Amino acid sequence: SISTRKSKSTDIVIDIKKLSIDDILTKLGELGYTSVLVEGGS
């Protein structure tokens, strides 16, 4: 995961963990997936 600094809704800066898209696609390729439809949100 990649730690991305998000600004605060409180006075504390929160670190949000974003999963590595490259690593995920590499793993899916290793599993034999030839296509992925991304239907996620924003």
PDB file of all heavy atoms in Angstrom:
ATOM      1  N   SER A   1       0.846  -1.197   0.000  1.00  0.00           N
ATOM      2  CA  SER A   1       0.000   0.000   0.000  1.00  0.00           C
ATOM      3  C   SER A   1       0.876   1.241   0.000  1.00  0.00           C
ATOM      4  O   SER A   1       2.045   1.206   0.375  1.00  0.00           O
ATOM      5  CB  SER A   1      -0.932   0.007   1.215  1.00  0.00           C
ATOM      6  OG  SER A   1      -0.179  -0.043   2.405  1.00  0.00           O
ATOM      7  N   ILE A   2       0.286   2.322  -0.454  1.00  0.00           N
ATOM      8  CA  ILE A   2       0.989   3.601  -0.528  1.00  0.00           C
ATOM      9  C   ILE A   2       0.305   4.552   0.439  1.00  0.00           C
ATOM     10  O   ILE A   2      -0.914   4.749   0.381  1.00  0.00           O
ATOM     11  CB  ILE A   2       0.927   4.167  -1.959  1.00  0.00           C
ATOM     12  CG1 ILE A   2       1.502   3.140  -2.946  1.00  0.00           C
ATOM     13  CG2 ILE A   2       1.672   5.481  -2.060  1.00  0.00           C
ATOM     14  CD1 ILE A   2       1.135   3.429  -4.379  1.00  0.00           C
ATOM     15  N   SER A   3       1.067   5.143   1.327  1.00  0.00           N
ATOM     16  CA  SER A   3       0.488   6.077   2.286  1.00  0.00           C
ATOM     17  C   SER A   3       0.308   7.430   1.622  1.00  0.00           C
ATOM     18  O   SER A   3       1.260   8.024   1.129  1.00  0.00           O
ATOM     19  CB  SER A   3       1.401   6.203   3.499  1.00  0.00           C
ATOM     20  OG  SER A   3       0.825   7.054   4.451  1.00  0.00           O
ATOM     21  N   THR A   4      -0.928   7.906   1.573  1.00  0.00           N
ATOM     22  CA  THR A   4      -1.190   9.207   0.945  1.00  0.00           C
ATOM     23  C   THR A   4      -1.731  10.176   1.989  1.00  0.00           C
ATOM     24  O   THR A   4      -2.678   9.867   2.702  1.00  0.00           O
ATOM     25  CB  THR A   4      -2.225   9.060  -0.193  1.00  0.00           C
ATOM     26  OG1 THR A   4      -3.408   8.494   0.348  1.00  0.00           O
ATOM     27  CG2 THR A   4      -1.703   8.165  -1.288  1.00  0.00           C
ATOM     28  N   ARG A   5      -1.136  11.347   2.066  1.00  0.00           N
ATOM     29  CA  ARG A   5      -1.531  12.313   3.087  1.00  0.00           C
ATOM     30  C   ARG A   5      -2.790  13.039   2.658  1.00  0.00           C
ATOM     31  O   ARG A   5      -2.839  13.636   1.606  1.00  0.00           O
ATOM     32  CB  ARG A   5      -0.415  13.322   3.283  1.00  0.00           C
ATOM     33  CG  ARG A   5       0.878  12.618   3.549  1.00  0.00           C
ATOM     34  CD  ARG A   5       1.559  12.785   4.830  1.00  0.00           C
ATOM     35  NE  ARG A   5       1.382  13.860   5.669  1.00  0.00           N
ATOM     36  CZ  ARG A   5       1.518  13.733   6.990  1.00  0.00           C
ATOM     37  NH1 ARG A   5       1.751  12.572   7.517  1.00  0.00           N
ATOM     38  NH2 ARG A   5       1.404  14.758   7.765  1.00  0.00           N
ATOM     39  N   LYS A   6      -3.804  12.918   3.480  1.00  0.00           N
ATOM     40  CA  LYS A   6      -5.066  13.612   3.209  1.00  0.00           C
ATOM     41  C   LYS A   6      -5.212  14.748   4.209  1.00  0.00           C
ATOM     42  O   LYS A   6      -4.874  14.624   5.372  1.00  0.00           O
ATOM     43  CB  LYS A   6      -6.243  12.647   3.366  1.00  0.00           C
ATOM     44  CG  LYS A   6      -6.291  11.608   2.272  1.00  0.00           C
ATOM     45  CD  LYS A   6      -6.798  12.213   1.015  1.00  0.00           C
ATOM     46  CE  LYS A   6      -6.969  11.159  -0.050  1.00  0.00           C
ATOM     47  NZ  LYS A   6      -7.334  11.677  -1.337  1.00  0.00           N
ATOM     48  N   SER A   7      -5.759  15.851   3.792  1.00  0.00           N
ATOM     49  CA  SER A   7      -5.920  16.911   4.733  1.00  0.00           C
ATOM     50  C   SER A   7      -7.103  16.633   5.607  1.00  0.00           C
ATOM     51  O   SER A   7      -7.862  15.751   5.382  1.00  0.00           O
ATOM     52  CB  SER A   7      -6.080  18.211   4.065  1.00  0.00           C
ATOM     53  OG  SER A   7      -7.294  18.334   3.537  1.00  0.00           O
ATOM     54  N   LYS A   8      -7.139  17.350   6.590  1.00  0.00           N
ATOM     55  CA  LYS A   8      -7.909  17.024   7.759  1.00  0.00           C
ATOM     56  C   LYS A   8      -9.321  17.575   7.749  1.00  0.00           C
ATOM     57  O   LYS A   8      -9.528  18.692   7.392  1.00  0.00           O
ATOM     58  CB  LYS A   8      -7.193  17.601   8.910  1.00  0.00           C
ATOM     59  CG  LYS A   8      -6.646  18.894   8.410  1.00  0.00           C
ATOM     60  CD  LYS A   8      -5.581  19.449   9.169  1.00  0.00           C
ATOM     61  CE  LYS A   8      -5.265  20.759   8.627  1.00  0.00           C
ATOM     62  NZ  LYS A   8      -4.394  21.552   8.785  1.00  0.00           N
ATOM     63  N   SER A   9     -10.187  16.763   8.222  1.00  0.00           N
ATOM     64  CA  SER A   9     -11.500  17.262   8.562  1.00  0.00           C
ATOM     65  C   SER A   9     -11.460  17.646  10.043  1.00  0.00           C
ATOM     66  O   SER A   9     -12.264  18.382  10.545  1.00  0.00           O
ATOM     67  CB  SER A   9     -12.553  16.210   8.322  1.00  0.00           C
ATOM     68  OG  SER A   9     -12.171  15.005   8.905  1.00  0.00           O
ATOM     69  N   THR A  10     -10.457  17.120  10.751  1.00  0.00           N
ATOM     70  CA  THR A  10     -10.207  17.562  12.140  1.00  0.00           C
ATOM     71  C   THR A  10      -8.820  18.208  12.127  1.00  0.00           C
ATOM     72  O   THR A  10      -8.253  18.454  11.077  1.00  0.00           O
ATOM     73  CB  THR A  10     -10.212  16.345  13.090  1.00  0.00           C
ATOM     74  OG1 THR A  10      -9.107  15.516  12.745  1.00  0.00           O
ATOM     75  CG2 THR A  10     -11.483  15.565  12.952  1.00  0.00           C
ATOM     76  N   ASP A  11      -8.266  18.441  13.289  1.00  0.00           N
ATOM     77  CA  ASP A  11      -6.937  19.032  13.305  1.00  0.00           C
ATOM     78  C   ASP A  11      -5.846  17.962  13.254  1.00  0.00           C
ATOM     79  O   ASP A  11      -4.685  18.239  13.491  1.00  0.00           O
ATOM     80  CB  ASP A  11      -6.752  19.919  14.544  1.00  0.00           C
ATOM     81  CG  ASP A  11      -7.045  19.173  15.825  1.00  0.00           C
ATOM     82  OD1 ASP A  11      -7.460  18.002  15.744  1.00  0.00           O
ATOM     83  OD2 ASP A  11      -6.865  19.772  16.880  1.00  0.00           O
ATOM     84  N   ILE A  12      -6.227  16.715  12.971  1.00  0.00           N
ATOM     85  CA  ILE A  12      -5.253  15.634  12.857  1.00  0.00           C
ATOM     86  C   ILE A  12      -5.134  15.251  11.384  1.00  0.00           C
ATOM     87  O   ILE A  12      -6.121  15.021  10.708  1.00  0.00           O
ATOM     88  CB  ILE A  12      -5.712  14.401  13.659  1.00  0.00           C
ATOM     89  CG1 ILE A  12      -5.873  14.783  15.131  1.00  0.00           C
ATOM     90  CG2 ILE A  12      -4.737  13.261  13.498  1.00  0.00           C
ATOM     91  CD1 ILE A  12      -6.480  13.693  15.966  1.00  0.00           C
ATOM     92  N   VAL A  13      -3.900  15.187  10.897  1.00  0.00           N
ATOM     93  CA  VAL A  13      -3.676  14.744   9.522  1.00  0.00           C
ATOM     94  C   VAL A  13      -3.760  13.221   9.488  1.00  0.00           C
ATOM     95  O   VAL A  13      -3.099  12.533  10.264  1.00  0.00           O
ATOM     96  CB  VAL A  13      -2.292  15.209   9.020  1.00  0.00           C
ATOM     97  CG1 VAL A  13      -2.028  14.632   7.632  1.00  0.00           C
ATOM     98  CG2 VAL A  13      -2.233  16.726   8.970  1.00  0.00           C
ATOM     99  N   ILE A  14      -4.604  12.706   8.626  1.00  0.00           N
ATOM    100  CA  ILE A  14      -4.846  11.267   8.580  1.00  0.00           C
ATOM    101  C   ILE A  14      -4.094  10.656   7.406  1.00  0.00           C
ATOM    102  O   ILE A  14      -4.106  11.187   6.302  1.00  0.00           O
ATOM    103  CB  ILE A  14      -6.355  10.987   8.419  1.00  0.00           C
ATOM    104  CG1 ILE A  14      -7.124  11.652   9.562  1.00  0.00           C
ATOM    105  CG2 ILE A  14      -6.631   9.500   8.374  1.00  0.00           C
ATOM    106  CD1 ILE A  14      -8.612  11.650   9.355  1.00  0.00           C
ATOM    107  N   ASP A  15      -3.437   9.534   7.639  1.00  0.00           N
ATOM    108  CA  ASP A  15      -2.786   8.790   6.573  1.00  0.00           C
ATOM    109  C   ASP A  15      -3.755   7.734   6.050  1.00  0.00           C
ATOM    110  O   ASP A  15      -4.191   6.868   6.810  1.00  0.00           O
ATOM    111  CB  ASP A  15      -1.509   8.110   7.066  1.00  0.00           C
ATOM    112  CG  ASP A  15      -0.330   9.067   7.095  1.00  0.00           C
ATOM    113  OD1 ASP A  15      -0.350  10.069   6.365  1.00  0.00           O
ATOM    114  OD2 ASP A  15       0.600   8.802   7.860  1.00  0.00           O
ATOM    115  N   ILE A  16      -4.108   7.822   4.796  1.00  0.00           N
ATOM    116  CA  ILE A  16      -4.995   6.854   4.172  1.00  0.00           C
ATOM    117  C   ILE A  16      -4.150   5.864   3.388  1.00  0.00           C
ATOM    118  O   ILE A  16      -3.297   6.262   2.610  1.00  0.00           O
ATOM    119  CB  ILE A  16      -5.984   7.543   3.215  1.00  0.00           C
ATOM    120  CG1 ILE A  16      -6.765   8.605   3.963  1.00  0.00           C
ATOM    121  CG2 ILE A  16      -6.908   6.528   2.571  1.00  0.00           C
ATOM    122  CD1 ILE A  16      -7.853   8.104   4.824  1.00  0.00           C
ATOM    123  N   LYS A  17      -4.398   4.591   3.570  1.00  0.00           N
ATOM    124  CA  LYS A  17      -3.652   3.572   2.847  1.00  0.00           C
ATOM    125  C   LYS A  17      -4.327   3.306   1.499  1.00  0.00           C
ATOM    126  O   LYS A  17      -5.479   2.884   1.441  1.00  0.00           O
ATOM    127  CB  LYS A  17      -3.592   2.271   3.656  1.00  0.00           C
ATOM    128  CG  LYS A  17      -2.786   2.374   4.942  1.00  0.00           C
ATOM    129  CD  LYS A  17      -1.310   2.562   4.663  1.00  0.00           C
ATOM    130  CE  LYS A  17      -0.496   2.519   5.951  1.00  0.00           C
ATOM    131  NZ  LYS A  17       0.920   2.734   5.711  1.00  0.00           N
ATOM    132  N   LYS A  18      -3.593   3.543   0.435  1.00  0.00           N
ATOM    133  CA  LYS A  18      -4.090   3.237  -0.909  1.00  0.00           C
ATOM    134  C   LYS A  18      -3.344   2.019  -1.428  1.00  0.00           C
ATOM    135  O   LYS A  18      -2.116   1.971  -1.416  1.00  0.00           O
ATOM    136  CB  LYS A  18      -3.865   4.423  -1.849  1.00  0.00           C
ATOM    137  CG  LYS A  18      -4.775   5.601  -1.574  1.00  0.00           C
ATOM    138  CD  LYS A  18      -4.630   6.671  -2.635  1.00  0.00           C
ATOM    139  CE  LYS A  18      -5.240   6.256  -3.942  1.00  0.00           C
ATOM    140  NZ  LYS A  18      -5.254   7.358  -4.933  1.00  0.00           N
ATOM    141  N   LEU A  19      -4.099   1.040  -1.854  1.00  0.00           N
ATOM    142  CA  LEU A  19      -3.487  -0.177  -2.367  1.00  0.00           C
ATOM    143  C   LEU A  19      -2.810   0.105  -3.696  1.00  0.00           C
ATOM    144  O   LEU A  19      -3.274   0.914  -4.494  1.00  0.00           O
ATOM    145  CB  LEU A  19      -4.556  -1.257  -2.541  1.00  0.00           C
ATOM    146  CG  LEU A  19      -5.313  -1.645  -1.268  1.00  0.00           C
ATOM    147  CD1 LEU A  19      -6.396  -2.665  -1.611  1.00  0.00           C
ATOM    148  CD2 LEU A  19      -4.375  -2.208  -0.224  1.00  0.00           C
ATOM    149  N   SER A  20      -1.706  -0.576  -3.947  1.00  0.00           N
ATOM    150  CA  SER A  20      -0.951  -0.387  -5.183  1.00  0.00           C
ATOM    151  C   SER A  20      -1.702  -1.016  -6.355  1.00  0.00           C
ATOM    152  O   SER A  20      -1.862  -2.235  -6.417  1.00  0.00           O
ATOM    153  CB  SER A  20       0.436  -1.015  -5.059  1.00  0.00           C
ATOM    154  OG  SER A  20       1.067  -1.069  -6.324  1.00  0.00           O
ATOM    155  N   ILE A  21      -2.176  -0.178  -7.279  1.00  0.00           N
ATOM    156  CA  ILE A  21      -2.918  -0.675  -8.440  1.00  0.00           C
ATOM    157  C   ILE A  21      -2.014  -1.532  -9.322  1.00  0.00           C
ATOM    158  O   ILE A  21      -2.434  -2.569  -9.839  1.00  0.00           O
ATOM    159  CB  ILE A  21      -3.501   0.502  -9.253  1.00  0.00           C
ATOM    160  CG1 ILE A  21      -4.440   1.336  -8.374  1.00  0.00           C
ATOM    161  CG2 ILE A  21      -4.240  -0.020 -10.479  1.00  0.00           C
ATOM    162  CD1 ILE A  21      -5.614   0.577  -7.787  1.00  0.00           C
ATOM    163  N   ASP A  22      -0.759  -1.132  -9.471  1.00  0.00           N
ATOM    164  CA  ASP A  22       0.188  -1.924 -10.278  1.00  0.00           C
ATOM    165  C   ASP A  22       0.327  -3.336  -9.724  1.00  0.00           C
ATOM    166  O   ASP A  22       0.298  -4.320 -10.475  1.00  0.00           O
ATOM    167  CB  ASP A  22       1.566  -1.251 -10.308  1.00  0.00           C
ATOM    168  CG  ASP A  22       1.644  -0.137 -11.329  1.00  0.00           C
ATOM    169  OD1 ASP A  22       0.946  -0.212 -12.349  1.00  0.00           O
ATOM    170  OD2 ASP A  22       2.406   0.817 -11.114  1.00  0.00           O
ATOM    171  N   ASP A  23       0.482  -3.450  -8.413  1.00  0.00           N
ATOM    172  CA  ASP A  23       0.636  -4.767  -7.790  1.00  0.00           C
ATOM    173  C   ASP A  23      -0.622  -5.614  -7.968  1.00  0.00           C
ATOM    174  O   ASP A  23      -0.547  -6.826  -8.205  1.00  0.00           O
ATOM    175  CB  ASP A  23       0.944  -4.618  -6.300  1.00  0.00           C
ATOM    176  CG  ASP A  23       2.366  -4.132  -6.037  1.00  0.00           C
ATOM    177  OD1 ASP A  23       3.144  -4.054  -7.008  1.00  0.00           O
ATOM    178  OD2 ASP A  23       2.683  -3.820  -4.876  1.00  0.00           O
ATOM    179  N   ILE A  24      -1.772  -4.975  -7.855  1.00  0.00           N
ATOM    180  CA  ILE A  24      -3.036  -5.702  -8.006  1.00  0.00           C
ATOM    181  C   ILE A  24      -3.187  -6.230  -9.426  1.00  0.00           C
ATOM    182  O   ILE A  24      -3.549  -7.397  -9.638  1.00  0.00           O
ATOM    183  CB  ILE A  24      -4.216  -4.793  -7.618  1.00  0.00           C
ATOM    184  CG1 ILE A  24      -4.212  -4.542  -6.110  1.00  0.00           C
ATOM    185  CG2 ILE A  24      -5.553  -5.411  -8.051  1.00  0.00           C
ATOM    186  CD1 ILE A  24      -5.137  -3.451  -5.661  1.00  0.00           C
ATOM    187  N   LEU A  25      -2.905  -5.404 -10.411  1.00  0.00           N
ATOM    188  CA  LEU A  25      -3.036  -5.840 -11.803  1.00  0.00           C
ATOM    189  C   LEU A  25      -2.011  -6.923 -12.144  1.00  0.00           C
ATOM    190  O   LEU A  25      -2.318  -7.856 -12.901  1.00  0.00           O
ATOM    191  CB  LEU A  25      -2.886  -4.644 -12.745  1.00  0.00           C
ATOM    192  CG  LEU A  25      -4.022  -3.622 -12.691  1.00  0.00           C
ATOM    193  CD1 LEU A  25      -3.734  -2.449 -13.619  1.00  0.00           C
ATOM    194  CD2 LEU A  25      -5.367  -4.262 -13.058  1.00  0.00           C
ATOM    195  N   THR A  26      -0.823  -6.817 -11.591  1.00  0.00           N
ATOM    196  CA  THR A  26       0.186  -7.862 -11.808  1.00  0.00           C
ATOM    197  C   THR A  26      -0.302  -9.190 -11.241  1.00  0.00           C
ATOM    198  O   THR A  26      -0.189 -10.249 -11.886  1.00  0.00           O
ATOM    199  CB  THR A  26       1.521  -7.469 -11.155  1.00  0.00           C
ATOM    200  OG1 THR A  26       2.016  -6.289 -11.785  1.00  0.00           O
ATOM    201  CG2 THR A  26       2.547  -8.590 -11.300  1.00  0.00           C
ATOM    202  N   LYS A  27      -0.861  -9.159 -10.042  1.00  0.00           N
ATOM    203  CA  LYS A  27      -1.375 -10.373  -9.413  1.00  0.00           C
ATOM    204  C   LYS A  27      -2.534 -10.953 -10.219  1.00  0.00           C
ATOM    205  O   LYS A  27      -2.605 -12.177 -10.426  1.00  0.00           O
ATOM    206  CB  LYS A  27      -1.835 -10.060  -7.980  1.00  0.00           C
ATOM    207  CG  LYS A  27      -2.414 -11.258  -7.237  1.00  0.00           C
ATOM    208  CD  LYS A  27      -1.395 -12.367  -7.061  1.00  0.00           C
ATOM    209  CE  LYS A  27      -1.960 -13.521  -6.246  1.00  0.00           C
ATOM    210  NZ  LYS A  27      -0.986 -14.642  -6.112  1.00  0.00           N
ATOM    211  N   LEU A  28      -3.435 -10.099 -10.703  1.00  0.00           N
ATOM    212  CA  LEU A  28      -4.572 -10.581 -11.492  1.00  0.00           C
ATOM    213  C   LEU A  28      -4.094 -11.212 -12.798  1.00  0.00           C
ATOM    214  O   LEU A  28      -4.654 -12.205 -13.259  1.00  0.00           O
ATOM    215  CB  LEU A  28      -5.543  -9.433 -11.771  1.00  0.00           C
ATOM    216  CG  LEU A  28      -6.300  -8.900 -10.545  1.00  0.00           C
ATOM    217  CD1 LEU A  28      -7.107  -7.664 -10.912  1.00  0.00           C
ATOM    218  CD2 LEU A  28      -7.217  -9.981  -9.963  1.00  0.00           C
ATOM    219  N   GLY A  29      -3.057 -10.637 -13.393  1.00  0.00           N
ATOM    220  CA  GLY A  29      -2.471 -11.236 -14.589  1.00  0.00           C
ATOM    221  C   GLY A  29      -1.901 -12.608 -14.304  1.00  0.00           C
ATOM    222  O   GLY A  29      -2.072 -13.554 -15.085  1.00  0.00           O
ATOM    223  N   GLU A  30      -1.232 -12.742 -13.173  1.00  0.00           N
ATOM    224  CA  GLU A  30      -0.678 -14.041 -12.779  1.00  0.00           C
ATOM    225  C   GLU A  30      -1.779 -15.075 -12.566  1.00  0.00           C
ATOM    226  O   GLU A  30      -1.572 -16.275 -12.797  1.00  0.00           O
ATOM    227  CB  GLU A  30       0.141 -13.890 -11.498  1.00  0.00           C
ATOM    228  CG  GLU A  30       1.431 -13.088 -11.680  1.00  0.00           C
ATOM    229  CD  GLU A  30       2.105 -12.765 -10.368  1.00  0.00           C
ATOM    230  OE1 GLU A  30       1.517 -13.054  -9.304  1.00  0.00           O
ATOM    231  OE2 GLU A  30       3.224 -12.206 -10.402  1.00  0.00           O
ATOM    232  N   LEU A  31      -2.942 -14.625 -12.170  1.00  0.00           N
ATOM    233  CA  LEU A  31      -4.081 -15.520 -11.955  1.00  0.00           C
ATOM    234  C   LEU A  31      -4.820 -15.852 -13.258  1.00  0.00           C
ATOM    235  O   LEU A  31      -5.761 -16.640 -13.247  1.00  0.00           O
ATOM    236  CB  LEU A  31      -5.060 -14.892 -10.957  1.00  0.00           C
ATOM    237  CG  LEU A  31      -4.552 -14.768  -9.517  1.00  0.00           C
ATOM    238  CD1 LEU A  31      -5.525 -13.946  -8.677  1.00  0.00           C
ATOM    239  CD2 LEU A  31      -4.345 -16.147  -8.893  1.00  0.00           C
ATOM    240  N   GLY A  32      -4.398 -15.230 -14.373  1.00  0.00           N
ATOM    241  CA  GLY A  32      -4.997 -15.538 -15.666  1.00  0.00           C
ATOM    242  C   GLY A  32      -6.157 -14.658 -16.075  1.00  0.00           C
ATOM    243  O   GLY A  32      -6.857 -14.964 -17.043  1.00  0.00           O
ATOM    244  N   TYR A  33      -6.348 -13.537 -15.384  1.00  0.00           N
ATOM    245  CA  TYR A  33      -7.414 -12.611 -15.769  1.00  0.00           C
ATOM    246  C   TYR A  33      -6.926 -11.759 -16.946  1.00  0.00           C
ATOM    247  O   TYR A  33      -5.915 -11.073 -16.845  1.00  0.00           O
ATOM    248  CB  TYR A  33      -7.807 -11.708 -14.602  1.00  0.00           C
ATOM    249  CG  TYR A  33      -8.590 -12.432 -13.524  1.00  0.00           C
ATOM    250  CD1 TYR A  33      -7.955 -12.910 -12.374  1.00  0.00           C
ATOM    251  CD2 TYR A  33      -9.953 -12.657 -13.678  1.00  0.00           C
ATOM    252  CE1 TYR A  33      -8.673 -13.587 -11.395  1.00  0.00           C
ATOM    253  CE2 TYR A  33     -10.676 -13.333 -12.697  1.00  0.00           C
ATOM    254  CZ  TYR A  33     -10.038 -13.794 -11.570  1.00  0.00           C
ATOM    255  OH  TYR A  33     -10.744 -14.472 -10.617  1.00  0.00           O
ATOM    256  N   THR A  34      -7.661 -11.792 -18.040  1.00  0.00           N
ATOM    257  CA  THR A  34      -7.285 -11.008 -19.220  1.00  0.00           C
ATOM    258  C   THR A  34      -7.990  -9.663 -19.273  1.00  0.00           C
ATOM    259  O   THR A  34      -7.587  -8.782 -20.026  1.00  0.00           O
ATOM    260  CB  THR A  34      -7.590 -11.770 -20.518  1.00  0.00           C
ATOM    261  OG1 THR A  34      -9.009 -11.919 -20.668  1.00  0.00           O
ATOM    262  CG2 THR A  34      -6.946 -13.149 -20.519  1.00  0.00           C
ATOM    263  N   SER A  35      -9.055  -9.484 -18.476  1.00  0.00           N
ATOM    264  CA  SER A  35      -9.796  -8.223 -18.524  1.00  0.00           C
ATOM    265  C   SER A  35     -10.458  -7.942 -17.186  1.00  0.00           C
ATOM    266  O   SER A  35     -10.909  -8.851 -16.491  1.00  0.00           O
ATOM    267  CB  SER A  35     -10.860  -8.253 -19.628  1.00  0.00           C
ATOM    268  OG  SER A  35     -11.798  -9.292 -19.392  1.00  0.00           O
ATOM    269  N   VAL A  36     -10.503  -6.659 -16.843  1.00  0.00           N
ATOM    270  CA  VAL A  36     -11.145  -6.210 -15.607  1.00  0.00           C
ATOM    271  C   VAL A  36     -11.990  -4.985 -15.921  1.00  0.00           C
ATOM    272  O   VAL A  36     -11.526  -4.047 -16.578  1.00  0.00           O
ATOM    273  CB  VAL A  36     -10.104  -5.863 -14.521  1.00  0.00           C
ATOM    274  CG1 VAL A  36     -10.784  -5.210 -13.324  1.00  0.00           C
ATOM    275  CG2 VAL A  36      -9.340  -7.098 -14.083  1.00  0.00           C
ATOM    276  N   LEU A  37     -13.219  -5.002 -15.455  1.00  0.00           N
ATOM    277  CA  LEU A  37     -14.130  -3.864 -15.595  1.00  0.00           C
ATOM    278  C   LEU A  37     -14.162  -3.119 -14.269  1.00  0.00           C
ATOM    279  O   LEU A  37     -14.605  -3.659 -13.253  1.00  0.00           O
ATOM    280  CB  LEU A  37     -15.533  -4.357 -15.960  1.00  0.00           C
ATOM    281  CG  LEU A  37     -16.623  -3.287 -16.060  1.00  0.00           C
ATOM    282  CD1 LEU A  37     -16.350  -2.339 -17.224  1.00  0.00           C
ATOM    283  CD2 LEU A  37     -18.000  -3.940 -16.216  1.00  0.00           C
ATOM    284  N   VAL A  38     -13.679  -1.882 -14.271  1.00  0.00           N
ATOM    285  CA  VAL A  38     -13.656  -1.072 -13.053  1.00  0.00           C
ATOM    286  C   VAL A  38     -14.976  -0.323 -12.948  1.00  0.00           C
ATOM    287  O   VAL A  38     -15.284   0.544 -13.767  1.00  0.00           O
ATOM    288  CB  VAL A  38     -12.475  -0.089 -13.064  1.00  0.00           C
ATOM    289  CG1 VAL A  38     -12.512   0.805 -11.820  1.00  0.00           C
ATOM    290  CG2 VAL A  38     -11.154  -0.852 -13.132  1.00  0.00           C
ATOM    291  N   GLU A  39     -15.762  -0.667 -11.932  1.00  0.00           N
ATOM    292  CA  GLU A  39     -17.064  -0.023 -11.718  1.00  0.00           C
ATOM    293  C   GLU A  39     -17.096   0.736 -10.403  1.00  0.00           C
ATOM    294  O   GLU A  39     -18.158   1.057  -9.900  1.00  0.00           O
ATOM    295  CB  GLU A  39     -18.187  -1.067 -11.741  1.00  0.00           C
ATOM    296  CG  GLU A  39     -18.661  -1.462 -13.108  1.00  0.00           C
ATOM    297  CD  GLU A  39     -20.056  -2.080 -13.082  1.00  0.00           C
ATOM    298  OE1 GLU A  39     -20.766  -1.939 -12.070  1.00  0.00           O
ATOM    299  OE2 GLU A  39     -20.439  -2.709 -14.077  1.00  0.00           O
ATOM    300  N   GLY A  40     -15.932   0.956  -9.857  1.00  0.00           N
ATOM    301  CA  GLY A  40     -15.885   1.574  -8.547  1.00  0.00           C
ATOM    302  C   GLY A  40     -16.393   3.001  -8.543  1.00  0.00           C
ATOM    303  O   GLY A  40     -16.712   3.573  -9.586  1.00  0.00           O
ATOM    304  N   GLY A  41     -16.413   3.605  -7.383  1.00  0.00           N
ATOM    305  CA  GLY A  41     -16.839   4.986  -7.261  1.00  0.00           C
ATOM    306  C   GLY A  41     -15.740   5.955  -7.649  1.00  0.00           C
ATOM    307  O   GLY A  41     -14.733   5.592  -8.270  1.00  0.00           O
ATOM    308  N   SER A  42     -15.905   7.191  -7.251  1.00  0.00           N
ATOM    309  CA  SER A  42     -15.017   8.284  -7.630  1.00  0.00           C
ATOM    310  C   SER A  42     -13.568   8.034  -7.225  1.00  0.00           C
ATOM    311  O   SER A  42     -12.635   8.261  -7.999  1.00  0.00           O
ATOM    312  CB  SER A  42     -15.529   9.572  -6.980  1.00  0.00           C
ATOM    313  OG  SER A  42     -14.739  10.660  -7.302  1.00  0.00           O
TER     314      SER A  42
END
